[in-house]
Amino acid sequence: MENATPRGPYAAAHEAVLHRSPDELAQRLVPRIEAALGGDDHVIAVLDDTHREALRETLGADAASVTFPDPAVVHSVPGFTVAARWARTARSGTGALIIGQHVESLPVAEPSYWARLDIALNVAISGLPVTVLCPYPMDSPELARVLATHPTIDGVDGPARSPSFRAPPEALIDFPPPPPPDLGPPAAEMAFAAATLAGVRRLTERVGEAAALADERTADLVLAVNEIASNSIEHGPGSGVLRFWTGVDVVAEVADGGAGLRIPFPGIALPPPEGVRGRGLWLASELCDVLQVWSDAGMTVIRMAMRI
């Protein structure tokens, strides 16, 4: 590997940190963490129990300034959502250092989840004051995937450009999302077109209120659903179907017979001002807890979830 940092549109500070043991990883992470804390950056470390305790012990008193969220909570949502949330952290006013271990014991511990997270991160954090470090064992069986999805590989000799990094749109082709899960019979449903867009907003408000969603969260969901339904009308086939499910979350789904949504990373990054597509998706992603998109030649399905 060349001893140089990557350049180009995906030269975000996203590194795979290869290590032999939890203690070695801790020793290598501490200087990065101390530098970040000295610059008043947020430091977040998502690690399994063994690696977390090794890092706490090595950090000493500085561990109190680091946030250690539960990996099971962080990764209870799709990888694209995690990438968007970490980018949002960096946009909150100060920089951020995020240590995101791929914890193999989690239910999502399969290659496509981690690959989609890493690929999306290269888009989501580009141009933002954030560094994401992903610890991996030196002998990881996923090393080929790691090299393809991380612009920089930090080995024992220091960071270097990955020799086989692939641009995100190209890399994503190999890791399509799983199909939409079956949520059972919807709690509410309506077909919509341009003339019934007001009805979309009214139904969304009624569902939010009936599910005891907070007023401000209901208002956000109304705006998000309106944006996505408007996209179906303005940029899609001109009509669609809106469905809702309620439980722990309020889930809104907009489905239409569009010919495929040609936005590989929907809602991940704010589109450029001159762009004509994607702004509604980005806004819906910012307003909701989770946004997921499935699109092929004959159907586009977009689901938005709000935790009650």
C-alpha atoms as a PDB file:
ATOM      1  CA  MET A   1       0.000   0.000   0.000  1.00  0.00           C
ATOM      2  CA  GLU A   2       1.143   3.494  -0.767  1.00  0.00           C
ATOM      3  CA  ASN A   3       1.900   5.615   2.275  1.00  0.00           C
ATOM      4  CA  ALA A   4      -0.478   8.371   1.308  1.00  0.00           C
ATOM      5  CA  THR A   5      -3.968   9.404   2.201  1.00  0.00           C
ATOM      6  CA  PRO A   6      -6.599   8.912  -0.494  1.00  0.00           C
ATOM      7  CA  ARG A   7      -7.778  11.805  -2.600  1.00  0.00           C
ATOM      8  CA  GLY A   8     -10.865  12.399  -4.664  1.00  0.00           C
ATOM      9  CA  PRO A   9     -14.606  12.718  -3.984  1.00  0.00           C
ATOM     10  CA  TYR A  10     -14.658   9.853  -1.451  1.00  0.00           C
ATOM     11  CA  ALA A  11     -11.529  10.808   0.499  1.00  0.00           C
ATOM     12  CA  ALA A  12     -13.448  10.975   3.772  1.00  0.00           C
ATOM     13  CA  ALA A  13     -11.599  10.190   7.005  1.00  0.00           C
ATOM     14  CA  HIS A  14     -12.826   6.614   7.208  1.00  0.00           C
ATOM     15  CA  GLU A  15     -10.201   4.120   8.267  1.00  0.00           C
ATOM     16  CA  ALA A  16     -10.055   0.420   9.029  1.00  0.00           C
ATOM     17  CA  VAL A  17      -7.783  -0.061  12.042  1.00  0.00           C
ATOM     18  CA  LEU A  18      -6.191  -3.509  11.897  1.00  0.00           C
ATOM     19  CA  HIS A  19      -5.048  -4.908  15.251  1.00  0.00           C
ATOM     20  CA  ARG A  20      -3.903  -8.115  16.937  1.00  0.00           C
ATOM     21  CA  SER A  21      -5.521  -7.745  20.376  1.00  0.00           C
ATOM     22  CA  PRO A  22      -7.821  -5.457  22.394  1.00  0.00           C
ATOM     23  CA  ASP A  23      -4.852  -4.042  24.318  1.00  0.00           C
ATOM     24  CA  GLU A  24      -2.920  -3.256  21.143  1.00  0.00           C
ATOM     25  CA  LEU A  25      -5.992  -1.561  19.676  1.00  0.00           C
ATOM     26  CA  ALA A  26      -6.415   0.540  22.820  1.00  0.00           C
ATOM     27  CA  GLN A  27      -2.788   1.669  22.710  1.00  0.00           C
ATOM     28  CA  ARG A  28      -3.182   2.786  19.102  1.00  0.00           C
ATOM     29  CA  LEU A  29      -6.512   4.518  19.625  1.00  0.00           C
ATOM     30  CA  VAL A  30      -5.567   6.551  22.692  1.00  0.00           C
ATOM     31  CA  PRO A  31      -3.427   9.180  20.878  1.00  0.00           C
ATOM     32  CA  ARG A  32      -6.253   9.733  18.366  1.00  0.00           C
ATOM     33  CA  ILE A  33      -8.794  10.077  21.161  1.00  0.00           C
ATOM     34  CA  GLU A  34      -6.621  12.449  23.209  1.00  0.00           C
ATOM     35  CA  ALA A  35      -6.087  14.662  20.157  1.00  0.00           C
ATOM     36  CA  ALA A  36      -9.830  14.751  19.483  1.00  0.00           C
ATOM     37  CA  LEU A  37     -10.672  15.574  23.094  1.00  0.00           C
ATOM     38  CA  GLY A  38      -8.056  18.321  23.040  1.00  0.00           C
ATOM     39  CA  GLY A  39      -9.887  19.855  20.095  1.00  0.00           C
ATOM     40  CA  ASP A  40     -13.267  19.654  21.877  1.00  0.00           C
ATOM     41  CA  ASP A  41     -14.543  17.058  19.420  1.00  0.00           C
ATOM     42  CA  HIS A  42     -17.218  14.520  20.274  1.00  0.00           C
ATOM     43  CA  VAL A  43     -15.670  11.094  20.827  1.00  0.00           C
ATOM     44  CA  ILE A  44     -17.950   8.080  20.495  1.00  0.00           C
ATOM     45  CA  ALA A  45     -16.703   4.512  20.839  1.00  0.00           C
ATOM     46  CA  VAL A  46     -19.030   1.670  19.829  1.00  0.00           C
ATOM     47  CA  LEU A  47     -17.165  -1.427  21.028  1.00  0.00           C
ATOM     48  CA  ASP A  48     -17.889  -4.877  22.411  1.00  0.00           C
ATOM     49  CA  ASP A  49     -17.334  -5.492  26.123  1.00  0.00           C
ATOM     50  CA  THR A  50     -13.739  -6.729  25.845  1.00  0.00           C
ATOM     51  CA  HIS A  51     -12.472  -3.926  23.615  1.00  0.00           C
ATOM     52  CA  ARG A  52     -14.429  -1.281  25.542  1.00  0.00           C
ATOM     53  CA  GLU A  53     -12.914  -2.265  28.872  1.00  0.00           C
ATOM     54  CA  ALA A  54      -9.399  -2.380  27.410  1.00  0.00           C
ATOM     55  CA  LEU A  55      -9.869   1.121  26.012  1.00  0.00           C
ATOM     56  CA  ARG A  56     -11.330   2.465  29.275  1.00  0.00           C
ATOM     57  CA  GLU A  57      -8.402   1.100  31.247  1.00  0.00           C
ATOM     58  CA  THR A  58      -5.818   2.548  28.843  1.00  0.00           C
ATOM     59  CA  LEU A  59      -7.536   5.936  28.693  1.00  0.00           C
ATOM     60  CA  GLY A  60      -7.768   6.303  32.466  1.00  0.00           C
ATOM     61  CA  ALA A  61      -9.479   9.533  33.501  1.00  0.00           C
ATOM     62  CA  ASP A  62     -10.059  10.539  29.865  1.00  0.00           C
ATOM     63  CA  ALA A  63     -12.555   7.676  29.522  1.00  0.00           C
ATOM     64  CA  ALA A  64     -15.103   9.869  31.313  1.00  0.00           C
ATOM     65  CA  SER A  65     -15.087  12.221  28.305  1.00  0.00           C
ATOM     66  CA  VAL A  66     -15.853   9.455  25.814  1.00  0.00           C
ATOM     67  CA  THR A  67     -19.381   8.251  25.032  1.00  0.00           C
ATOM     68  CA  PHE A  68     -19.690   4.448  24.972  1.00  0.00           C
ATOM     69  CA  PRO A  69     -23.123   3.577  23.522  1.00  0.00           C
ATOM     70  CA  ASP A  70     -24.483   0.041  23.490  1.00  0.00           C
ATOM     71  CA  PRO A  71     -23.607  -1.548  20.104  1.00  0.00           C
ATOM     72  CA  ALA A  72     -26.915  -3.441  20.089  1.00  0.00           C
ATOM     73  CA  VAL A  73     -28.805  -0.133  20.258  1.00  0.00           C
ATOM     74  CA  VAL A  74     -26.618   1.643  17.694  1.00  0.00           C
ATOM     75  CA  HIS A  75     -26.966  -1.200  15.210  1.00  0.00           C
ATOM     76  CA  SER A  76     -30.670  -1.896  15.751  1.00  0.00           C
ATOM     77  CA  VAL A  77     -31.376   0.215  12.655  1.00  0.00           C
ATOM     78  CA  PRO A  78     -30.221  -0.192   9.039  1.00  0.00           C
ATOM     79  CA  GLY A  79     -26.611   0.624   8.158  1.00  0.00           C
ATOM     80  CA  PHE A  80     -27.645   3.595   6.017  1.00  0.00           C
ATOM     81  CA  THR A  81     -29.416   5.060   9.064  1.00  0.00           C
ATOM     82  CA  VAL A  82     -26.324   4.630  11.255  1.00  0.00           C
ATOM     83  CA  ALA A  83     -24.224   6.430   8.623  1.00  0.00           C
ATOM     84  CA  ALA A  84     -26.725   9.292   8.441  1.00  0.00           C
ATOM     85  CA  ARG A  85     -26.810   9.619  12.245  1.00  0.00           C
ATOM     86  CA  TRP A  86     -23.026   9.736  12.526  1.00  0.00           C
ATOM     87  CA  ALA A  87     -22.910  12.411   9.822  1.00  0.00           C
ATOM     88  CA  ARG A  88     -25.556  14.360  11.748  1.00  0.00           C
ATOM     89  CA  THR A  89     -23.307  14.238  14.819  1.00  0.00           C
ATOM     90  CA  ALA A  90     -20.541  15.900  12.809  1.00  0.00           C
ATOM     91  CA  ARG A  91     -22.924  18.610  11.608  1.00  0.00           C
ATOM     92  CA  SER A  92     -23.949  19.499  15.165  1.00  0.00           C
ATOM     93  CA  GLY A  93     -21.338  22.237  15.512  1.00  0.00           C
ATOM     94  CA  THR A  94     -18.082  20.529  16.458  1.00  0.00           C
ATOM     95  CA  GLY A  95     -15.987  17.750  14.988  1.00  0.00           C
ATOM     96  CA  ALA A  96     -16.331  14.103  15.889  1.00  0.00           C
ATOM     97  CA  LEU A  97     -14.206  11.003  16.257  1.00  0.00           C
ATOM     98  CA  ILE A  98     -16.269   7.827  16.009  1.00  0.00           C
ATOM     99  CA  ILE A  99     -14.833   4.395  16.702  1.00  0.00           C
ATOM    100  CA  GLY A 100     -17.208   1.862  15.209  1.00  0.00           C
ATOM    101  CA  GLN A 101     -16.265  -1.764  15.753  1.00  0.00           C
ATOM    102  CA  HIS A 102     -18.078  -4.347  13.673  1.00  0.00           C
ATOM    103  CA  VAL A 103     -19.351  -6.450  16.568  1.00  0.00           C
ATOM    104  CA  GLU A 104     -19.719 -10.017  15.358  1.00  0.00           C
ATOM    105  CA  SER A 105     -22.077 -11.123  18.138  1.00  0.00           C
ATOM    106  CA  LEU A 106     -24.903  -8.824  17.039  1.00  0.00           C
ATOM    107  CA  PRO A 107     -27.924 -10.135  15.113  1.00  0.00           C
ATOM    108  CA  VAL A 108     -26.914  -7.905  12.173  1.00  0.00           C
ATOM    109  CA  ALA A 109     -23.419  -9.422  12.080  1.00  0.00           C
ATOM    110  CA  GLU A 110     -23.462 -10.471   8.445  1.00  0.00           C
ATOM    111  CA  PRO A 111     -21.351  -9.022   5.641  1.00  0.00           C
ATOM    112  CA  SER A 112     -24.041  -7.099   3.763  1.00  0.00           C
ATOM    113  CA  TYR A 113     -25.045  -5.039   6.824  1.00  0.00           C
ATOM    114  CA  TRP A 114     -21.488  -3.986   7.633  1.00  0.00           C
ATOM    115  CA  ALA A 115     -20.612  -3.478   3.976  1.00  0.00           C
ATOM    116  CA  ARG A 116     -23.626  -1.214   3.402  1.00  0.00           C
ATOM    117  CA  LEU A 117     -22.759   0.768   6.540  1.00  0.00           C
ATOM    118  CA  ASP A 118     -19.151   1.269   5.457  1.00  0.00           C
ATOM    119  CA  ILE A 119     -20.070   2.131   1.873  1.00  0.00           C
ATOM    120  CA  ALA A 120     -22.699   4.641   3.029  1.00  0.00           C
ATOM    121  CA  LEU A 121     -20.242   6.251   5.455  1.00  0.00           C
ATOM    122  CA  ASN A 122     -17.967   7.167   2.555  1.00  0.00           C
ATOM    123  CA  VAL A 123     -20.847   9.235   1.149  1.00  0.00           C
ATOM    124  CA  ALA A 124     -22.422  10.507   4.374  1.00  0.00           C
ATOM    125  CA  ILE A 125     -19.300  11.957   6.029  1.00  0.00           C
ATOM    126  CA  SER A 126     -17.590  13.313   2.920  1.00  0.00           C
ATOM    127  CA  GLY A 127     -16.592  16.915   3.566  1.00  0.00           C
ATOM    128  CA  LEU A 128     -17.626  16.822   7.228  1.00  0.00           C
ATOM    129  CA  PRO A 129     -15.347  17.266  10.284  1.00  0.00           C
ATOM    130  CA  VAL A 130     -15.567  13.625  11.328  1.00  0.00           C
ATOM    131  CA  THR A 131     -13.204  10.667  11.457  1.00  0.00           C
ATOM    132  CA  VAL A 132     -14.610   7.136  11.624  1.00  0.00           C
ATOM    133  CA  LEU A 133     -12.240   4.376  12.739  1.00  0.00           C
ATOM    134  CA  CYS A 134     -13.392   0.777  12.242  1.00  0.00           C
ATOM    135  CA  PRO A 135     -11.376  -1.778  14.252  1.00  0.00           C
ATOM    136  CA  TYR A 136     -10.785  -5.150  12.586  1.00  0.00           C
ATOM    137  CA  PRO A 137      -8.569  -8.086  13.578  1.00  0.00           C
ATOM    138  CA  MET A 138      -5.473  -8.486  11.422  1.00  0.00           C
ATOM    139  CA  ASP A 139      -6.672 -11.954  10.407  1.00  0.00           C
ATOM    140  CA  SER A 140     -10.279 -10.946   9.693  1.00  0.00           C
ATOM    141  CA  PRO A 141     -11.898 -13.244   7.113  1.00  0.00           C
ATOM    142  CA  GLU A 142     -13.611 -10.120   5.764  1.00  0.00           C
ATOM    143  CA  LEU A 143     -10.347  -8.364   4.909  1.00  0.00           C
ATOM    144  CA  ALA A 144     -11.072  -8.218   1.156  1.00  0.00           C
ATOM    145  CA  ARG A 145     -14.369  -6.450   1.870  1.00  0.00           C
ATOM    146  CA  VAL A 146     -12.678  -4.140   4.372  1.00  0.00           C
ATOM    147  CA  LEU A 147     -10.083  -3.104   1.787  1.00  0.00           C
ATOM    148  CA  ALA A 148     -12.822  -2.404  -0.754  1.00  0.00           C
ATOM    149  CA  THR A 149     -14.993  -0.275   1.547  1.00  0.00           C
ATOM    150  CA  HIS A 150     -12.434   1.779   3.521  1.00  0.00           C
ATOM    151  CA  PRO A 151     -10.404   4.485   1.749  1.00  0.00           C
ATOM    152  CA  THR A 152      -7.635   4.150   4.343  1.00  0.00           C
ATOM    153  CA  ILE A 153      -6.204   1.101   6.099  1.00  0.00           C
ATOM    154  CA  ASP A 154      -4.362   1.791   9.364  1.00  0.00           C
ATOM    155  CA  GLY A 155      -2.014  -1.137   9.966  1.00  0.00           C
ATOM    156  CA  VAL A 156       0.964  -1.546  12.250  1.00  0.00           C
ATOM    157  CA  ASP A 157       3.018   0.711   9.968  1.00  0.00           C
ATOM    158  CA  GLY A 158       0.469   3.516  10.062  1.00  0.00           C
ATOM    159  CA  PRO A 159      -2.334   4.640   7.736  1.00  0.00           C
ATOM    160  CA  ALA A 160      -2.044   4.034   4.010  1.00  0.00           C
ATOM    161  CA  ARG A 161      -4.294   4.132   0.993  1.00  0.00           C
ATOM    162  CA  SER A 162      -6.273   0.958   0.431  1.00  0.00           C
ATOM    163  CA  PRO A 163      -5.060  -0.725  -2.759  1.00  0.00           C
ATOM    164  CA  SER A 164      -8.530  -2.011  -3.651  1.00  0.00           C
ATOM    165  CA  PHE A 165     -10.929   0.707  -2.459  1.00  0.00           C
ATOM    166  CA  ARG A 166     -13.992   0.953  -4.701  1.00  0.00           C
ATOM    167  CA  ALA A 167     -16.090   4.086  -5.217  1.00  0.00           C
ATOM    168  CA  PRO A 168     -19.338   3.737  -3.248  1.00  0.00           C
ATOM    169  CA  PRO A 169     -21.788   3.488  -6.195  1.00  0.00           C
ATOM    170  CA  GLU A 170     -19.679   0.677  -7.666  1.00  0.00           C
ATOM    171  CA  ALA A 171     -19.182  -1.144  -4.353  1.00  0.00           C
ATOM    172  CA  LEU A 172     -22.871  -0.975  -3.450  1.00  0.00           C
ATOM    173  CA  ILE A 173     -23.862  -3.118  -6.442  1.00  0.00           C
ATOM    174  CA  ASP A 174     -22.536  -6.206  -4.657  1.00  0.00           C
ATOM    175  CA  PHE A 175     -24.533  -5.546  -1.480  1.00  0.00           C
ATOM    176  CA  PRO A 176     -28.223  -4.951  -2.272  1.00  0.00           C
ATOM    177  CA  PRO A 177     -30.582  -4.464   0.671  1.00  0.00           C
ATOM    178  CA  PRO A 178     -32.685  -7.386   1.885  1.00  0.00           C
ATOM    179  CA  PRO A 179     -36.307  -7.246   0.673  1.00  0.00           C
ATOM    180  CA  PRO A 180     -38.844  -5.215   2.652  1.00  0.00           C
ATOM    181  CA  PRO A 181     -40.018  -7.206   5.693  1.00  0.00           C
ATOM    182  CA  ASP A 182     -43.681  -8.200   5.763  1.00  0.00           C
ATOM    183  CA  LEU A 183     -45.354  -6.020   8.402  1.00  0.00           C
ATOM    184  CA  GLY A 184     -48.745  -7.705   8.189  1.00  0.00           C
ATOM    185  CA  PRO A 185     -52.068  -5.982   7.529  1.00  0.00           C
ATOM    186  CA  PRO A 186     -51.718  -2.172   7.627  1.00  0.00           C
ATOM    187  CA  ALA A 187     -53.496  -0.083  10.247  1.00  0.00           C
ATOM    188  CA  ALA A 188     -54.516   2.406   7.546  1.00  0.00           C
ATOM    189  CA  GLU A 189     -54.212   2.609   3.768  1.00  0.00           C
ATOM    190  CA  MET A 190     -55.151   4.942   0.923  1.00  0.00           C
ATOM    191  CA  ALA A 191     -54.388   5.390  -2.737  1.00  0.00           C
ATOM    192  CA  PHE A 192     -53.316   8.906  -3.619  1.00  0.00           C
ATOM    193  CA  ALA A 193     -52.729  11.213  -6.550  1.00  0.00           C
ATOM    194  CA  ALA A 194     -52.235  14.950  -6.951  1.00  0.00           C
ATOM    195  CA  ALA A 195     -55.871  15.711  -6.127  1.00  0.00           C
ATOM    196  CA  THR A 196     -55.733  13.786  -2.843  1.00  0.00           C
ATOM    197  CA  LEU A 197     -52.398  14.991  -1.443  1.00  0.00           C
ATOM    198  CA  ALA A 198     -54.233  16.922   1.284  1.00  0.00           C
ATOM    199  CA  GLY A 199     -55.837  13.632   2.291  1.00  0.00           C
ATOM    200  CA  VAL A 200     -52.364  12.116   2.657  1.00  0.00           C
ATOM    201  CA  ARG A 201     -51.499  14.769   5.215  1.00  0.00           C
ATOM    202  CA  ARG A 202     -54.785  14.376   7.086  1.00  0.00           C
ATOM    203  CA  LEU A 203     -54.458  10.594   7.291  1.00  0.00           C
ATOM    204  CA  THR A 204     -50.860  10.841   8.488  1.00  0.00           C
ATOM    205  CA  GLU A 205     -51.909  13.255  11.226  1.00  0.00           C
ATOM    206  CA  ARG A 206     -54.767  10.994  12.346  1.00  0.00           C
ATOM    207  CA  VAL A 207     -52.520   7.926  12.499  1.00  0.00           C
ATOM    208  CA  GLY A 208     -49.870   9.794  14.488  1.00  0.00           C
ATOM    209  CA  GLU A 209     -52.421  11.072  16.972  1.00  0.00           C
ATOM    210  CA  ALA A 210     -54.086   7.659  17.359  1.00  0.00           C
ATOM    211  CA  ALA A 211     -50.682   6.077  18.055  1.00  0.00           C
ATOM    212  CA  ALA A 212     -49.956   8.699  20.768  1.00  0.00           C
ATOM    213  CA  LEU A 213     -47.016  10.073  18.816  1.00  0.00           C
ATOM    214  CA  ALA A 214     -45.920  13.417  20.301  1.00  0.00           C
ATOM    215  CA  ASP A 215     -47.360  16.454  18.515  1.00  0.00           C
ATOM    216  CA  GLU A 216     -44.012  17.638  17.154  1.00  0.00           C
ATOM    217  CA  ARG A 217     -43.152  14.111  15.978  1.00  0.00           C
ATOM    218  CA  THR A 218     -46.523  13.828  14.262  1.00  0.00           C
ATOM    219  CA  ALA A 219     -45.883  17.147  12.518  1.00  0.00           C
ATOM    220  CA  ASP A 220     -42.478  15.871  11.354  1.00  0.00           C
ATOM    221  CA  LEU A 221     -44.031  12.663  10.046  1.00  0.00           C
ATOM    222  CA  VAL A 222     -46.711  14.621   8.162  1.00  0.00           C
ATOM    223  CA  LEU A 223     -44.020  16.699   6.467  1.00  0.00           C
ATOM    224  CA  ALA A 224     -41.884  13.646   5.655  1.00  0.00           C
ATOM    225  CA  VAL A 225     -44.785  11.653   4.170  1.00  0.00           C
ATOM    226  CA  ASN A 226     -45.938  14.687   2.195  1.00  0.00           C
ATOM    227  CA  GLU A 227     -42.443  15.059   0.687  1.00  0.00           C
ATOM    228  CA  ILE A 228     -42.260  11.413  -0.366  1.00  0.00           C
ATOM    229  CA  ALA A 229     -45.813  11.298  -1.725  1.00  0.00           C
ATOM    230  CA  SER A 230     -45.144  14.530  -3.632  1.00  0.00           C
ATOM    231  CA  ASN A 231     -42.092  12.861  -5.188  1.00  0.00           C
ATOM    232  CA  SER A 232     -44.315  10.043  -6.463  1.00  0.00           C
ATOM    233  CA  ILE A 233     -46.612  12.609  -8.031  1.00  0.00           C
ATOM    234  CA  GLU A 234     -43.995  14.972  -9.459  1.00  0.00           C
ATOM    235  CA  HIS A 235     -41.159  12.608 -10.401  1.00  0.00           C
ATOM    236  CA  GLY A 236     -42.798   9.184 -10.427  1.00  0.00           C
ATOM    237  CA  PRO A 237     -45.911   7.761 -12.047  1.00  0.00           C
ATOM    238  CA  GLY A 238     -48.192  10.450 -10.596  1.00  0.00           C
ATOM    239  CA  SER A 239     -49.892   8.260  -8.016  1.00  0.00           C
ATOM    240  CA  GLY A 240     -49.153   5.724  -5.317  1.00  0.00           C
ATOM    241  CA  VAL A 241     -50.367   3.914  -2.217  1.00  0.00           C
ATOM    242  CA  LEU A 242     -49.820   5.057   1.374  1.00  0.00           C
ATOM    243  CA  ARG A 243     -49.869   2.491   4.193  1.00  0.00           C
ATOM    244  CA  PHE A 244     -49.325   2.711   7.938  1.00  0.00           C
ATOM    245  CA  TRP A 245     -48.404   0.239  10.666  1.00  0.00           C
ATOM    246  CA  THR A 246     -48.328   1.073  14.364  1.00  0.00           C
ATOM    247  CA  GLY A 247     -46.710  -0.563  17.377  1.00  0.00           C
ATOM    248  CA  VAL A 248     -43.402   0.435  18.939  1.00  0.00           C
ATOM    249  CA  ASP A 249     -42.965   2.644  15.864  1.00  0.00           C
ATOM    250  CA  VAL A 250     -45.282   4.365  13.471  1.00  0.00           C
ATOM    251  CA  VAL A 251     -44.228   3.102  10.046  1.00  0.00           C
ATOM    252  CA  ALA A 252     -45.399   4.947   6.932  1.00  0.00           C
ATOM    253  CA  GLU A 253     -44.913   3.389   3.505  1.00  0.00           C
ATOM    254  CA  VAL A 254     -45.239   5.104   0.144  1.00  0.00           C
ATOM    255  CA  ALA A 255     -45.216   2.683  -2.786  1.00  0.00           C
ATOM    256  CA  ASP A 256     -45.569   3.511  -6.454  1.00  0.00           C
ATOM    257  CA  GLY A 257     -45.080   1.848  -9.801  1.00  0.00           C
ATOM    258  CA  GLY A 258     -42.154   4.032 -10.776  1.00  0.00           C
ATOM    259  CA  ALA A 259     -39.428   2.664 -13.010  1.00  0.00           C
ATOM    260  CA  GLY A 260     -36.792   2.568 -10.278  1.00  0.00           C
ATOM    261  CA  LEU A 261     -35.317   5.315  -8.137  1.00  0.00           C
ATOM    262  CA  ARG A 262     -31.872   6.113  -9.528  1.00  0.00           C
ATOM    263  CA  ILE A 263     -30.426   7.517  -6.307  1.00  0.00           C
ATOM    264  CA  PRO A 264     -27.982   4.969  -4.858  1.00  0.00           C
ATOM    265  CA  PHE A 265     -27.768   6.596  -1.415  1.00  0.00           C
ATOM    266  CA  PRO A 266     -31.235   8.031  -0.718  1.00  0.00           C
ATOM    267  CA  GLY A 267     -31.381  10.411   2.213  1.00  0.00           C
ATOM    268  CA  ILE A 268     -27.707   9.966   3.094  1.00  0.00           C
ATOM    269  CA  ALA A 269     -26.289  13.316   1.989  1.00  0.00           C
ATOM    270  CA  LEU A 270     -27.818  16.692   1.164  1.00  0.00           C
ATOM    271  CA  PRO A 271     -28.061  16.918  -2.631  1.00  0.00           C
ATOM    272  CA  PRO A 272     -26.329  19.843  -4.367  1.00  0.00           C
ATOM    273  CA  PRO A 273     -28.455  22.958  -4.912  1.00  0.00           C
ATOM    274  CA  GLU A 274     -28.575  22.298  -8.647  1.00  0.00           C
ATOM    275  CA  GLY A 275     -29.915  18.773  -8.150  1.00  0.00           C
ATOM    276  CA  VAL A 276     -33.533  18.047  -9.050  1.00  0.00           C
ATOM    277  CA  ARG A 277     -33.894  14.745  -7.183  1.00  0.00           C
ATOM    278  CA  GLY A 278     -33.177  13.621  -3.662  1.00  0.00           C
ATOM    279  CA  ARG A 279     -33.971  16.692  -1.576  1.00  0.00           C
ATOM    280  CA  GLY A 280     -37.298  15.275  -0.368  1.00  0.00           C
ATOM    281  CA  LEU A 281     -35.625  12.003   0.562  1.00  0.00           C
ATOM    282  CA  TRP A 282     -32.919  13.827   2.498  1.00  0.00           C
ATOM    283  CA  LEU A 283     -35.513  15.897   4.382  1.00  0.00           C
ATOM    284  CA  ALA A 284     -37.573  12.796   5.199  1.00  0.00           C
ATOM    285  CA  SER A 285     -34.425  11.064   6.467  1.00  0.00           C
ATOM    286  CA  GLU A 286     -33.649  14.028   8.712  1.00  0.00           C
ATOM    287  CA  LEU A 287     -37.196  14.155  10.089  1.00  0.00           C
ATOM    288  CA  CYS A 288     -37.715  10.435  10.727  1.00  0.00           C
ATOM    289  CA  ASP A 289     -35.858   7.907  12.842  1.00  0.00           C
ATOM    290  CA  VAL A 290     -35.393   5.501   9.937  1.00  0.00           C
ATOM    291  CA  LEU A 291     -35.830   5.836   6.180  1.00  0.00           C
ATOM    292  CA  GLN A 292     -35.483   2.815   3.899  1.00  0.00           C
ATOM    293  CA  VAL A 293     -35.826   2.594   0.136  1.00  0.00           C
ATOM    294  CA  TRP A 294     -36.291  -0.419  -2.145  1.00  0.00           C
ATOM    295  CA  SER A 295     -36.420   0.202  -5.863  1.00  0.00           C
ATOM    296  CA  ASP A 296     -36.347  -1.913  -9.001  1.00  0.00           C
ATOM    297  CA  ALA A 297     -37.580  -1.674 -12.564  1.00  0.00           C
ATOM    298  CA  GLY A 298     -41.240  -1.922 -11.610  1.00  0.00           C
ATOM    299  CA  MET A 299     -41.739  -0.602  -8.074  1.00  0.00           C
ATOM    300  CA  THR A 300     -40.345   1.846  -5.543  1.00  0.00           C
ATOM    301  CA  VAL A 301     -41.138   1.349  -1.855  1.00  0.00           C
ATOM    302  CA  ILE A 302     -40.118   3.920   0.767  1.00  0.00           C
ATOM    303  CA  ARG A 303     -40.681   3.343   4.473  1.00  0.00           C
ATOM    304  CA  MET A 304     -40.323   5.918   7.218  1.00  0.00           C
ATOM    305  CA  ALA A 305     -40.355   4.972  10.911  1.00  0.00           C
ATOM    306  CA  MET A 306     -40.925   7.160  13.975  1.00  0.00           C
ATOM    307  CA  ARG A 307     -40.386   5.706  17.445  1.00  0.00           C
ATOM    308  CA  ILE A 308     -43.382   6.390  19.690  1.00  0.00           C
END
